[in-house]
Amino acid sequence: MKKLLAATAVLLATAGIAAACPAWQNQGVQTGYTTGQDLWTPNSYSVVAGGSQSLRNCGWNHSGYVISRPDFEFQIDGLHAYNRLEIRAIGSCDTVLLVNDATGNWYFDDDSYGNLNPAINLYSPQSGVYDIWVGTYGTSTCGATLQMETW
């Protein structure tokens, strides 16, 4: 009986950790609707980058800290007319991006946009829901701007 209780306690503790990790099923803190045509001109959104959830502790092979819920959840339609969707973050600290695209694929970036800022380029993007986390490389949070643009 003690072994069963101990095993149950371990499972509950592990489930608690996993429940706090980023998941596309969590509703976004900010939600919105846009189109590929709207993003032909870059759109910008303010956010506090970072959070208490370590991506490494959540099973990712990347360093960074995010919140459990996506910072942004966008329904993006009309992407079929565009070759590329670029998602980037510009922060006052070292920022990272974690994206779950409309087809369920996960993407991560740290410094591709330069100056400690991330960018993710999605080629032949599909219309649908995009969940986006703007995190930080370290444990501190900072002000940041998410930008999205089609090409």
C-alpha atoms as a PDB file:
ATOM      1  CA  MET A   1       0.000   0.000   0.000  1.00  0.00           C
ATOM      2  CA  LYS A   2       2.842   2.413   0.847  1.00  0.00           C
ATOM      3  CA  LYS A   3       4.453   1.724  -2.531  1.00  0.00           C
ATOM      4  CA  LEU A   4       1.162   2.468  -4.265  1.00  0.00           C
ATOM      5  CA  LEU A   5       0.790   5.758  -2.360  1.00  0.00           C
ATOM      6  CA  ALA A   6       4.401   6.720  -3.098  1.00  0.00           C
ATOM      7  CA  ALA A   7       3.949   5.936  -6.801  1.00  0.00           C
ATOM      8  CA  THR A   8       0.732   7.971  -6.871  1.00  0.00           C
ATOM      9  CA  ALA A   9       2.507  10.923  -5.227  1.00  0.00           C
ATOM     10  CA  VAL A  10       5.309  10.796  -7.820  1.00  0.00           C
ATOM     11  CA  LEU A  11       2.784  10.661 -10.682  1.00  0.00           C
ATOM     12  CA  LEU A  12       0.855  13.617  -9.285  1.00  0.00           C
ATOM     13  CA  ALA A  13       4.035  15.648  -8.823  1.00  0.00           C
ATOM     14  CA  THR A  14       5.156  14.838 -12.363  1.00  0.00           C
ATOM     15  CA  ALA A  15       1.730  15.710 -13.773  1.00  0.00           C
ATOM     16  CA  GLY A  16       1.877  19.051 -11.971  1.00  0.00           C
ATOM     17  CA  ILE A  17       5.189  19.855 -13.615  1.00  0.00           C
ATOM     18  CA  ALA A  18       3.953  18.809 -17.044  1.00  0.00           C
ATOM     19  CA  ALA A  19       0.726  20.800 -16.626  1.00  0.00           C
ATOM     20  CA  ALA A  20       2.781  23.964 -16.102  1.00  0.00           C
ATOM     21  CA  CYS A  21       4.760  23.459 -19.322  1.00  0.00           C
ATOM     22  CA  PRO A  22       3.858  25.248 -22.559  1.00  0.00           C
ATOM     23  CA  ALA A  23       0.993  23.541 -24.351  1.00  0.00           C
ATOM     24  CA  TRP A  24      -0.914  24.612 -27.453  1.00  0.00           C
ATOM     25  CA  GLN A  25      -4.111  23.467 -25.733  1.00  0.00           C
ATOM     26  CA  ASN A  26      -3.827  26.368 -23.259  1.00  0.00           C
ATOM     27  CA  GLN A  27      -5.719  29.475 -24.351  1.00  0.00           C
ATOM     28  CA  GLY A  28      -3.514  32.393 -25.325  1.00  0.00           C
ATOM     29  CA  VAL A  29      -3.124  35.371 -23.018  1.00  0.00           C
ATOM     30  CA  GLN A  30      -3.834  37.592 -26.026  1.00  0.00           C
ATOM     31  CA  THR A  31      -5.985  36.258 -28.847  1.00  0.00           C
ATOM     32  CA  GLY A  32      -6.661  37.738 -32.233  1.00  0.00           C
ATOM     33  CA  TYR A  33      -7.557  37.331 -35.863  1.00  0.00           C
ATOM     34  CA  THR A  34      -5.517  38.515 -38.818  1.00  0.00           C
ATOM     35  CA  THR A  35      -4.900  37.633 -42.448  1.00  0.00           C
ATOM     36  CA  GLY A  36      -1.866  37.153 -44.627  1.00  0.00           C
ATOM     37  CA  GLN A  37      -2.779  40.380 -46.385  1.00  0.00           C
ATOM     38  CA  ASP A  38      -2.919  42.254 -43.055  1.00  0.00           C
ATOM     39  CA  LEU A  39       0.595  40.987 -42.303  1.00  0.00           C
ATOM     40  CA  TRP A  40       1.997  42.218 -45.619  1.00  0.00           C
ATOM     41  CA  THR A  41       2.800  45.274 -43.513  1.00  0.00           C
ATOM     42  CA  PRO A  42       4.496  44.125 -40.284  1.00  0.00           C
ATOM     43  CA  ASN A  43       2.149  44.020 -37.291  1.00  0.00           C
ATOM     44  CA  SER A  44       3.564  44.609 -33.790  1.00  0.00           C
ATOM     45  CA  TYR A  45       2.272  43.478 -30.398  1.00  0.00           C
ATOM     46  CA  SER A  46       3.642  44.360 -26.939  1.00  0.00           C
ATOM     47  CA  VAL A  47       4.407  41.592 -24.466  1.00  0.00           C
ATOM     48  CA  VAL A  48       6.319  40.849 -21.286  1.00  0.00           C
ATOM     49  CA  ALA A  49       8.851  38.238 -22.389  1.00  0.00           C
ATOM     50  CA  GLY A  50       9.779  35.328 -20.143  1.00  0.00           C
ATOM     51  CA  GLY A  51       8.179  33.326 -17.394  1.00  0.00           C
ATOM     52  CA  SER A  52       8.795  30.728 -14.743  1.00  0.00           C
ATOM     53  CA  GLN A  53       8.698  27.605 -16.929  1.00  0.00           C
ATOM     54  CA  SER A  54      12.109  26.284 -18.007  1.00  0.00           C
ATOM     55  CA  LEU A  55      11.888  24.737 -21.464  1.00  0.00           C
ATOM     56  CA  ARG A  56      14.607  22.223 -20.504  1.00  0.00           C
ATOM     57  CA  ASN A  57      12.558  21.099 -17.484  1.00  0.00           C
ATOM     58  CA  CYS A  58       9.615  20.619 -19.844  1.00  0.00           C
ATOM     59  CA  GLY A  59      11.504  18.214 -22.096  1.00  0.00           C
ATOM     60  CA  TRP A  60      12.672  20.679 -24.760  1.00  0.00           C
ATOM     61  CA  ASN A  61      16.258  20.556 -25.932  1.00  0.00           C
ATOM     62  CA  HIS A  62      16.443  24.367 -25.763  1.00  0.00           C
ATOM     63  CA  SER A  63      17.257  26.928 -23.101  1.00  0.00           C
ATOM     64  CA  GLY A  64      14.621  29.508 -22.289  1.00  0.00           C
ATOM     65  CA  TYR A  65      11.854  30.520 -19.911  1.00  0.00           C
ATOM     66  CA  VAL A  66       8.215  31.045 -20.860  1.00  0.00           C
ATOM     67  CA  ILE A  67       4.763  31.078 -19.292  1.00  0.00           C
ATOM     68  CA  SER A  68       2.447  28.069 -19.543  1.00  0.00           C
ATOM     69  CA  ARG A  69      -0.144  29.728 -21.776  1.00  0.00           C
ATOM     70  CA  PRO A  70       0.838  31.075 -25.178  1.00  0.00           C
ATOM     71  CA  ASP A  71       1.485  34.810 -25.024  1.00  0.00           C
ATOM     72  CA  PHE A  72      -0.451  35.044 -28.285  1.00  0.00           C
ATOM     73  CA  GLU A  73      -2.972  32.849 -30.055  1.00  0.00           C
ATOM     74  CA  PHE A  74      -3.757  34.073 -33.556  1.00  0.00           C
ATOM     75  CA  GLN A  75      -6.182  32.735 -36.123  1.00  0.00           C
ATOM     76  CA  ILE A  76      -4.409  33.648 -39.361  1.00  0.00           C
ATOM     77  CA  ASP A  77      -6.291  33.156 -42.623  1.00  0.00           C
ATOM     78  CA  GLY A  78      -5.354  33.727 -46.259  1.00  0.00           C
ATOM     79  CA  LEU A  79      -1.754  32.565 -45.936  1.00  0.00           C
ATOM     80  CA  HIS A  80      -1.925  30.469 -49.129  1.00  0.00           C
ATOM     81  CA  ALA A  81      -1.067  33.583 -51.164  1.00  0.00           C
ATOM     82  CA  TYR A  82       2.241  34.100 -49.347  1.00  0.00           C
ATOM     83  CA  ASN A  83       5.537  32.217 -49.506  1.00  0.00           C
ATOM     84  CA  ARG A  84       6.728  33.063 -46.020  1.00  0.00           C
ATOM     85  CA  LEU A  85       5.468  34.082 -42.592  1.00  0.00           C
ATOM     86  CA  GLU A  86       8.133  35.621 -40.381  1.00  0.00           C
ATOM     87  CA  ILE A  87       7.579  35.756 -36.626  1.00  0.00           C
ATOM     88  CA  ARG A  88      10.178  37.717 -34.660  1.00  0.00           C
ATOM     89  CA  ALA A  89      10.653  39.279 -31.244  1.00  0.00           C
ATOM     90  CA  ILE A  90      12.610  42.339 -30.249  1.00  0.00           C
ATOM     91  CA  GLY A  91      13.285  42.708 -26.543  1.00  0.00           C
ATOM     92  CA  SER A  92      15.258  44.722 -24.055  1.00  0.00           C
ATOM     93  CA  CYS A  93      16.884  41.427 -22.986  1.00  0.00           C
ATOM     94  CA  ASP A  94      17.882  38.116 -24.627  1.00  0.00           C
ATOM     95  CA  THR A  95      14.557  36.786 -25.970  1.00  0.00           C
ATOM     96  CA  VAL A  96      13.519  33.417 -27.428  1.00  0.00           C
ATOM     97  CA  LEU A  97      10.524  32.311 -29.491  1.00  0.00           C
ATOM     98  CA  LEU A  98       8.485  29.132 -29.268  1.00  0.00           C
ATOM     99  CA  VAL A  99       5.784  28.651 -31.916  1.00  0.00           C
ATOM    100  CA  ASN A 100       3.198  25.966 -32.571  1.00  0.00           C
ATOM    101  CA  ASP A 101       1.942  26.463 -36.132  1.00  0.00           C
ATOM    102  CA  ALA A 102      -1.422  25.730 -37.747  1.00  0.00           C
ATOM    103  CA  THR A 103      -0.355  22.167 -38.623  1.00  0.00           C
ATOM    104  CA  GLY A 104       0.843  21.328 -35.087  1.00  0.00           C
ATOM    105  CA  ASN A 105       4.575  21.679 -35.747  1.00  0.00           C
ATOM    106  CA  TRP A 106       6.797  23.225 -33.069  1.00  0.00           C
ATOM    107  CA  TYR A 107       9.548  25.759 -33.772  1.00  0.00           C
ATOM    108  CA  PHE A 108      12.116  27.384 -31.478  1.00  0.00           C
ATOM    109  CA  ASP A 109      14.649  30.135 -32.049  1.00  0.00           C
ATOM    110  CA  ASP A 110      17.053  32.112 -29.916  1.00  0.00           C
ATOM    111  CA  ASP A 111      19.157  34.655 -31.842  1.00  0.00           C
ATOM    112  CA  SER A 112      18.450  34.402 -35.595  1.00  0.00           C
ATOM    113  CA  TYR A 113      17.213  38.012 -35.860  1.00  0.00           C
ATOM    114  CA  GLY A 114      20.480  39.329 -34.376  1.00  0.00           C
ATOM    115  CA  ASN A 115      21.233  41.346 -31.231  1.00  0.00           C
ATOM    116  CA  LEU A 116      19.934  38.509 -28.986  1.00  0.00           C
ATOM    117  CA  ASN A 117      16.538  38.550 -30.756  1.00  0.00           C
ATOM    118  CA  PRO A 118      14.820  35.518 -32.332  1.00  0.00           C
ATOM    119  CA  ALA A 119      13.074  35.047 -35.669  1.00  0.00           C
ATOM    120  CA  ILE A 120      11.250  32.070 -37.132  1.00  0.00           C
ATOM    121  CA  ASN A 121      10.523  31.883 -40.854  1.00  0.00           C
ATOM    122  CA  LEU A 122       7.758  29.531 -41.926  1.00  0.00           C
ATOM    123  CA  TYR A 123       7.747  28.763 -45.636  1.00  0.00           C
ATOM    124  CA  SER A 124       4.461  27.953 -47.420  1.00  0.00           C
ATOM    125  CA  PRO A 125       2.571  28.688 -44.183  1.00  0.00           C
ATOM    126  CA  GLN A 126      -0.869  27.210 -43.678  1.00  0.00           C
ATOM    127  CA  SER A 127      -3.892  29.155 -42.476  1.00  0.00           C
ATOM    128  CA  GLY A 128      -5.076  28.322 -38.984  1.00  0.00           C
ATOM    129  CA  VAL A 129      -4.194  28.887 -35.333  1.00  0.00           C
ATOM    130  CA  TYR A 130      -0.673  29.939 -34.343  1.00  0.00           C
ATOM    131  CA  ASP A 131       0.332  29.760 -30.671  1.00  0.00           C
ATOM    132  CA  ILE A 132       3.332  31.942 -29.837  1.00  0.00           C
ATOM    133  CA  TRP A 133       5.429  32.187 -26.680  1.00  0.00           C
ATOM    134  CA  VAL A 134       7.893  35.077 -26.291  1.00  0.00           C
ATOM    135  CA  GLY A 135      10.370  33.901 -23.687  1.00  0.00           C
ATOM    136  CA  THR A 136      13.726  34.882 -22.321  1.00  0.00           C
ATOM    137  CA  TYR A 137      17.020  33.032 -22.370  1.00  0.00           C
ATOM    138  CA  GLY A 138      17.509  33.697 -18.644  1.00  0.00           C
ATOM    139  CA  THR A 139      15.136  33.762 -15.702  1.00  0.00           C
ATOM    140  CA  SER A 140      14.378  37.514 -15.785  1.00  0.00           C
ATOM    141  CA  THR A 141      11.470  39.027 -17.696  1.00  0.00           C
ATOM    142  CA  CYS A 142      11.633  42.098 -19.924  1.00  0.00           C
ATOM    143  CA  GLY A 143       9.546  44.211 -22.246  1.00  0.00           C
ATOM    144  CA  ALA A 144       9.415  42.969 -25.834  1.00  0.00           C
ATOM    145  CA  THR A 145       7.587  43.386 -29.115  1.00  0.00           C
ATOM    146  CA  LEU A 146       6.316  40.504 -31.233  1.00  0.00           C
ATOM    147  CA  GLN A 147       6.283  41.239 -34.960  1.00  0.00           C
ATOM    148  CA  MET A 148       4.694  39.192 -37.726  1.00  0.00           C
ATOM    149  CA  GLU A 149       5.051  39.764 -41.457  1.00  0.00           C
ATOM    150  CA  THR A 150       4.251  37.909 -44.664  1.00  0.00           C
ATOM    151  CA  TRP A 151       6.401  37.851 -47.790  1.00  0.00           C
END
